[in-house]
Structure formats: C-alpha cells, structure tokens
Amino acid sequence: MPFATLAHLPAKEIFNGTVRGHYAHLDRSTCGEVRLEAEVDVPIHQHPHEQFTYVVSGRFQFTVGGETTVLEPGMAAIIPANVPHGGRTLTACKVVDVFAPVREEYRV
C-alpha cells in the first residue's frame, strides 16, 4: 500500500483510551496521526524508540527529559530513545508521530 489517508486507518487506543492514533508501518518505522482532546494528560513515559512529534494544530505543553515548552502548530518534539517525555494538551490537538524502530504494539 504505497498511499494512505492515516485518519482512515483503524484506530489504536493508547494510554487507557485517552489517546487515539491511526498508524502506518514500514519495516523500520511507524508514522501516525493522533488526535487529542483538550486537557488530556499524556503521562511521563519512555520507550526504546526514537520519536518525532509534529504539532499540526492546537497547543500541547510537553516535557522531554526534564525540559518543558508549549508546542504550537509547526513545532516538534524530538525525543531520543529511552528519554522520559509526556505532557498535557492545552487545547484539542492533532499531531503526527514518527517512531523508529517500528512500534509493533501499535499495529491494529
């Protein structure tokens, strides 16, 4: 499948259903469109995957490795593997997440 509308792919719920993403997978990476409601907490967590989170819309207070900022459209969080990160949405948000290696647990 060389083309996809991410929002049309089956949804995967994470963080006990507070976050819903639509993910596409290659052999070595995962890309997803994620929509979050306002005032949603994404708990501080870490994983062995590198992660790039790009904000398409909304405002998201985000912490990476102890440094916190408010992400707005056009901004990105660049998260190395095993670095604690998380945050709280200030408004409803749409983000694009890219992970490497692939997030097998995000397959639906």
N, C-alpha and C. Protein backbone atom coordinates (compact mmCIF):
# COMPACT_ATOMS: atom_id res chain seq x y z
N MET A 1 0.85 -1.18 0.00
CA MET A 1 0.00 0.00 0.00
C MET A 1 0.90 1.24 0.00
N PRO A 2 1.16 1.86 -1.15
CA PRO A 2 2.07 2.99 -1.19
C PRO A 2 1.45 4.32 -0.76
N PHE A 3 0.12 4.39 -0.60
CA PHE A 3 -0.54 5.63 -0.20
C PHE A 3 -1.59 5.32 0.87
N ALA A 4 -1.77 6.26 1.78
CA ALA A 4 -2.78 6.05 2.83
C ALA A 4 -3.26 7.39 3.36
N THR A 5 -4.52 7.45 3.70
CA THR A 5 -5.05 8.55 4.49
C THR A 5 -5.04 8.03 5.92
N LEU A 6 -4.12 8.55 6.72
CA LEU A 6 -3.92 7.99 8.06
C LEU A 6 -5.21 7.94 8.86
N ALA A 7 -6.03 8.99 8.79
CA ALA A 7 -7.26 9.04 9.58
C ALA A 7 -8.25 7.95 9.19
N HIS A 8 -8.07 7.34 8.02
CA HIS A 8 -8.97 6.27 7.57
C HIS A 8 -8.49 4.89 8.00
N LEU A 9 -7.27 4.81 8.55
CA LEU A 9 -6.76 3.53 9.04
C LEU A 9 -7.42 3.21 10.38
N PRO A 10 -7.49 1.94 10.77
CA PRO A 10 -8.10 1.59 12.06
C PRO A 10 -7.39 2.32 13.20
N ALA A 11 -8.18 2.74 14.17
CA ALA A 11 -7.63 3.48 15.32
C ALA A 11 -7.04 2.52 16.35
N LYS A 12 -5.97 2.97 16.97
CA LYS A 12 -5.35 2.27 18.09
C LYS A 12 -5.46 3.18 19.30
N GLU A 13 -6.07 2.68 20.37
CA GLU A 13 -6.17 3.46 21.60
C GLU A 13 -4.97 3.18 22.48
N ILE A 14 -4.38 4.24 23.01
CA ILE A 14 -3.24 4.10 23.92
C ILE A 14 -3.51 4.92 25.18
N PHE A 15 -2.72 4.69 26.20
CA PHE A 15 -2.88 5.35 27.50
C PHE A 15 -4.32 5.21 28.00
N ASN A 16 -4.79 3.96 28.06
CA ASN A 16 -6.13 3.65 28.56
C ASN A 16 -7.24 4.35 27.78
N GLY A 17 -7.02 4.54 26.49
CA GLY A 17 -8.06 5.09 25.63
C GLY A 17 -8.12 6.61 25.59
N THR A 18 -7.24 7.30 26.31
CA THR A 18 -7.28 8.76 26.29
C THR A 18 -6.68 9.33 25.02
N VAL A 19 -5.92 8.52 24.29
CA VAL A 19 -5.29 8.95 23.04
C VAL A 19 -5.63 7.92 21.97
N ARG A 20 -6.05 8.43 20.79
CA ARG A 20 -6.36 7.56 19.65
C ARG A 20 -5.49 7.96 18.47
N GLY A 21 -4.78 6.98 17.95
CA GLY A 21 -3.93 7.25 16.80
C GLY A 21 -4.24 6.31 15.65
N HIS A 22 -3.90 6.75 14.47
CA HIS A 22 -4.06 5.95 13.25
C HIS A 22 -2.66 5.81 12.66
N TYR A 23 -2.14 4.59 12.65
CA TYR A 23 -0.72 4.36 12.38
C TYR A 23 -0.49 3.53 11.12
N ALA A 24 0.54 3.93 10.37
CA ALA A 24 1.02 3.15 9.23
C ALA A 24 2.43 2.68 9.59
N HIS A 25 2.78 1.50 9.10
CA HIS A 25 4.05 0.88 9.49
C HIS A 25 4.86 0.47 8.27
N LEU A 26 6.16 0.71 8.36
CA LEU A 26 7.14 0.17 7.42
C LEU A 26 7.96 -0.86 8.18
N ASP A 27 9.00 -1.37 7.56
CA ASP A 27 9.84 -2.35 8.24
C ASP A 27 10.57 -1.77 9.44
N ARG A 28 10.96 -0.48 9.38
CA ARG A 28 11.80 0.09 10.43
C ARG A 28 11.22 1.35 11.08
N SER A 29 9.98 1.73 10.74
CA SER A 29 9.41 2.94 11.33
C SER A 29 7.89 2.88 11.35
N THR A 30 7.32 3.72 12.19
CA THR A 30 5.87 3.86 12.31
C THR A 30 5.55 5.34 12.25
N CYS A 31 4.49 5.69 11.53
CA CYS A 31 4.02 7.07 11.44
C CYS A 31 2.54 7.08 11.78
N GLY A 32 2.12 8.05 12.59
CA GLY A 32 0.72 8.10 12.97
C GLY A 32 0.18 9.51 13.06
N GLU A 33 -1.11 9.62 12.77
CA GLU A 33 -1.86 10.85 13.02
C GLU A 33 -2.63 10.63 14.31
N VAL A 34 -2.44 11.54 15.26
CA VAL A 34 -3.03 11.38 16.59
C VAL A 34 -3.85 12.62 16.91
N ARG A 35 -5.08 12.40 17.35
CA ARG A 35 -5.94 13.50 17.78
C ARG A 35 -6.15 13.37 19.28
N LEU A 36 -6.02 14.50 19.96
CA LEU A 36 -6.19 14.53 21.42
C LEU A 36 -7.17 15.64 21.77
N GLU A 37 -8.05 15.37 22.70
CA GLU A 37 -8.97 16.39 23.19
C GLU A 37 -8.20 17.37 24.08
N ALA A 38 -8.83 18.48 24.42
CA ALA A 38 -8.23 19.45 25.34
C ALA A 38 -8.11 18.84 26.73
N GLU A 39 -7.07 19.24 27.44
CA GLU A 39 -6.84 18.85 28.83
C GLU A 39 -6.67 17.35 29.02
N VAL A 40 -5.99 16.73 28.08
CA VAL A 40 -5.65 15.31 28.17
C VAL A 40 -4.22 15.19 28.67
N ASP A 41 -4.03 14.38 29.69
CA ASP A 41 -2.70 14.12 30.22
C ASP A 41 -2.08 12.93 29.50
N VAL A 42 -0.89 13.12 28.98
CA VAL A 42 -0.08 12.03 28.45
C VAL A 42 1.00 11.79 29.49
N PRO A 43 0.90 10.71 30.26
CA PRO A 43 1.82 10.50 31.37
C PRO A 43 3.28 10.45 30.92
N ILE A 44 4.15 10.89 31.80
CA ILE A 44 5.58 10.78 31.52
C ILE A 44 5.91 9.30 31.35
N HIS A 45 6.54 8.98 30.26
CA HIS A 45 6.89 7.59 29.95
C HIS A 45 8.15 7.59 29.09
N GLN A 46 8.67 6.43 28.83
CA GLN A 46 9.82 6.29 27.94
C GLN A 46 9.73 4.95 27.24
N HIS A 47 10.44 4.85 26.13
CA HIS A 47 10.45 3.62 25.34
C HIS A 47 11.73 3.58 24.52
N PRO A 48 12.07 2.42 23.98
CA PRO A 48 13.34 2.30 23.23
C PRO A 48 13.29 2.91 21.83
N HIS A 49 12.15 3.49 21.45
CA HIS A 49 12.00 4.06 20.11
C HIS A 49 12.38 5.53 20.11
N GLU A 50 13.04 5.98 19.06
CA GLU A 50 13.18 7.41 18.82
C GLU A 50 11.80 7.92 18.39
N GLN A 51 11.49 9.16 18.75
CA GLN A 51 10.16 9.70 18.42
C GLN A 51 10.29 11.14 17.99
N PHE A 52 9.54 11.48 16.96
CA PHE A 52 9.44 12.84 16.46
C PHE A 52 7.95 13.17 16.48
N THR A 53 7.54 14.18 17.25
CA THR A 53 6.13 14.57 17.35
C THR A 53 5.98 15.98 16.78
N TYR A 54 5.23 16.09 15.70
CA TYR A 54 5.00 17.36 15.00
C TYR A 54 3.57 17.81 15.25
N VAL A 55 3.40 19.05 15.72
CA VAL A 55 2.07 19.57 16.02
C VAL A 55 1.47 20.20 14.76
N VAL A 56 0.32 19.66 14.34
CA VAL A 56 -0.40 20.19 13.18
C VAL A 56 -1.35 21.29 13.64
N SER A 57 -2.06 21.04 14.75
CA SER A 57 -2.98 22.05 15.28
C SER A 57 -3.07 21.90 16.79
N GLY A 58 -3.38 23.01 17.46
CA GLY A 58 -3.56 23.01 18.91
C GLY A 58 -2.32 23.43 19.66
N ARG A 59 -2.43 23.37 20.98
CA ARG A 59 -1.33 23.73 21.88
C ARG A 59 -1.15 22.60 22.88
N PHE A 60 0.10 22.18 23.07
CA PHE A 60 0.42 21.00 23.86
C PHE A 60 1.62 21.33 24.75
N GLN A 61 1.41 21.37 26.06
CA GLN A 61 2.54 21.57 26.98
C GLN A 61 3.25 20.23 27.09
N PHE A 62 4.53 20.22 26.73
CA PHE A 62 5.24 18.95 26.56
C PHE A 62 6.58 19.01 27.26
N THR A 63 6.96 17.90 27.87
CA THR A 63 8.23 17.78 28.56
C THR A 63 9.04 16.66 27.93
N VAL A 64 10.30 16.95 27.65
CA VAL A 64 11.24 15.95 27.14
C VAL A 64 12.49 16.03 28.02
N GLY A 65 12.77 14.94 28.73
CA GLY A 65 13.98 14.88 29.53
C GLY A 65 14.11 16.00 30.55
N GLY A 66 13.01 16.46 31.12
CA GLY A 66 13.05 17.49 32.14
C GLY A 66 12.90 18.91 31.61
N GLU A 67 12.90 19.10 30.30
CA GLU A 67 12.71 20.43 29.71
C GLU A 67 11.29 20.54 29.16
N THR A 68 10.59 21.62 29.53
CA THR A 68 9.18 21.78 29.17
C THR A 68 8.99 23.02 28.31
N THR A 69 8.10 22.90 27.31
CA THR A 69 7.70 24.03 26.48
C THR A 69 6.27 23.82 26.02
N VAL A 70 5.67 24.86 25.47
CA VAL A 70 4.35 24.72 24.86
C VAL A 70 4.56 24.60 23.35
N LEU A 71 4.17 23.45 22.82
CA LEU A 71 4.26 23.21 21.38
C LEU A 71 3.03 23.79 20.71
N GLU A 72 3.25 24.49 19.61
CA GLU A 72 2.18 25.08 18.81
C GLU A 72 2.34 24.60 17.37
N PRO A 73 1.36 24.85 16.50
CA PRO A 73 1.47 24.36 15.12
C PRO A 73 2.80 24.72 14.47
N GLY A 74 3.39 23.72 13.85
CA GLY A 74 4.68 23.88 13.18
C GLY A 74 5.86 23.51 14.05
N MET A 75 5.63 23.32 15.35
CA MET A 75 6.72 22.94 16.26
C MET A 75 6.77 21.43 16.41
N ALA A 76 7.92 20.93 16.85
CA ALA A 76 8.09 19.49 17.02
C ALA A 76 8.87 19.20 18.29
N ALA A 77 8.57 18.06 18.88
CA ALA A 77 9.38 17.50 19.96
C ALA A 77 10.24 16.41 19.35
N ILE A 78 11.53 16.46 19.63
CA ILE A 78 12.48 15.48 19.10
C ILE A 78 12.99 14.68 20.28
N ILE A 79 12.59 13.41 20.34
CA ILE A 79 12.75 12.61 21.55
C ILE A 79 13.68 11.42 21.28
N PRO A 80 14.87 11.44 21.85
CA PRO A 80 15.76 10.28 21.69
C PRO A 80 15.19 9.05 22.40
N ALA A 81 15.67 7.89 22.04
CA ALA A 81 15.25 6.63 22.68
C ALA A 81 15.51 6.70 24.19
N ASN A 82 14.59 6.14 24.95
CA ASN A 82 14.70 5.97 26.40
C ASN A 82 14.70 7.27 27.21
N VAL A 83 14.32 8.39 26.62
CA VAL A 83 14.24 9.66 27.34
C VAL A 83 12.81 9.86 27.83
N PRO A 84 12.60 10.13 29.12
CA PRO A 84 11.25 10.36 29.63
C PRO A 84 10.60 11.58 28.96
N HIS A 85 9.31 11.43 28.63
CA HIS A 85 8.57 12.51 27.98
C HIS A 85 7.08 12.34 28.21
N GLY A 86 6.34 13.43 28.07
CA GLY A 86 4.88 13.42 28.23
C GLY A 86 4.40 14.85 28.38
N GLY A 87 3.11 15.03 28.61
CA GLY A 87 2.61 16.38 28.75
C GLY A 87 1.11 16.44 28.91
N ARG A 88 0.57 17.63 28.64
CA ARG A 88 -0.86 17.88 28.78
C ARG A 88 -1.30 18.80 27.64
N THR A 89 -2.39 18.44 26.98
CA THR A 89 -2.91 19.29 25.92
C THR A 89 -3.60 20.49 26.56
N LEU A 90 -3.34 21.66 26.02
CA LEU A 90 -3.99 22.88 26.48
C LEU A 90 -5.26 23.14 25.68
N THR A 91 -5.28 22.67 24.44
CA THR A 91 -6.45 22.72 23.57
C THR A 91 -6.53 21.37 22.87
N ALA A 92 -7.58 21.15 22.10
CA ALA A 92 -7.61 19.96 21.25
C ALA A 92 -6.43 20.05 20.29
N CYS A 93 -5.80 18.92 20.02
CA CYS A 93 -4.59 18.89 19.19
C CYS A 93 -4.66 17.80 18.15
N LYS A 94 -3.96 18.05 17.04
CA LYS A 94 -3.66 17.00 16.08
C LYS A 94 -2.15 17.00 15.91
N VAL A 95 -1.53 15.83 16.09
CA VAL A 95 -0.09 15.70 15.94
C VAL A 95 0.21 14.55 15.00
N VAL A 96 1.41 14.58 14.44
CA VAL A 96 1.94 13.47 13.66
C VAL A 96 3.13 12.93 14.45
N ASP A 97 3.07 11.65 14.77
CA ASP A 97 4.16 10.97 15.48
C ASP A 97 4.89 10.05 14.52
N VAL A 98 6.22 10.08 14.58
CA VAL A 98 7.06 9.16 13.81
C VAL A 98 7.97 8.45 14.80
N PHE A 99 8.03 7.13 14.70
CA PHE A 99 8.84 6.31 15.60
C PHE A 99 9.80 5.44 14.79
N ALA A 100 10.98 5.21 15.37
CA ALA A 100 11.91 4.23 14.81
C ALA A 100 12.62 3.56 15.99
N PRO A 101 12.71 2.26 16.02
CA PRO A 101 12.15 1.32 15.05
C PRO A 101 10.63 1.27 15.14
N VAL A 102 10.04 0.39 14.34
CA VAL A 102 8.59 0.26 14.26
C VAL A 102 7.99 -0.01 15.64
N ARG A 103 6.80 0.55 15.89
CA ARG A 103 6.06 0.30 17.13
C ARG A 103 5.11 -0.88 16.87
N GLU A 104 5.61 -2.08 17.07
CA GLU A 104 4.81 -3.28 16.81
C GLU A 104 3.51 -3.28 17.62
N GLU A 105 3.56 -2.75 18.85
CA GLU A 105 2.37 -2.76 19.71
C GLU A 105 1.29 -1.78 19.22
N TYR A 106 1.60 -0.96 18.23
CA TYR A 106 0.61 -0.02 17.69
C TYR A 106 -0.09 -0.58 16.44
N ARG A 107 0.25 -1.79 16.07
CA ARG A 107 -0.46 -2.43 14.95
C ARG A 107 -1.85 -2.81 15.42
N VAL A 108 -2.83 -2.59 14.55
CA VAL A 108 -4.23 -2.95 14.89
C VAL A 108 -4.57 -4.26 14.27
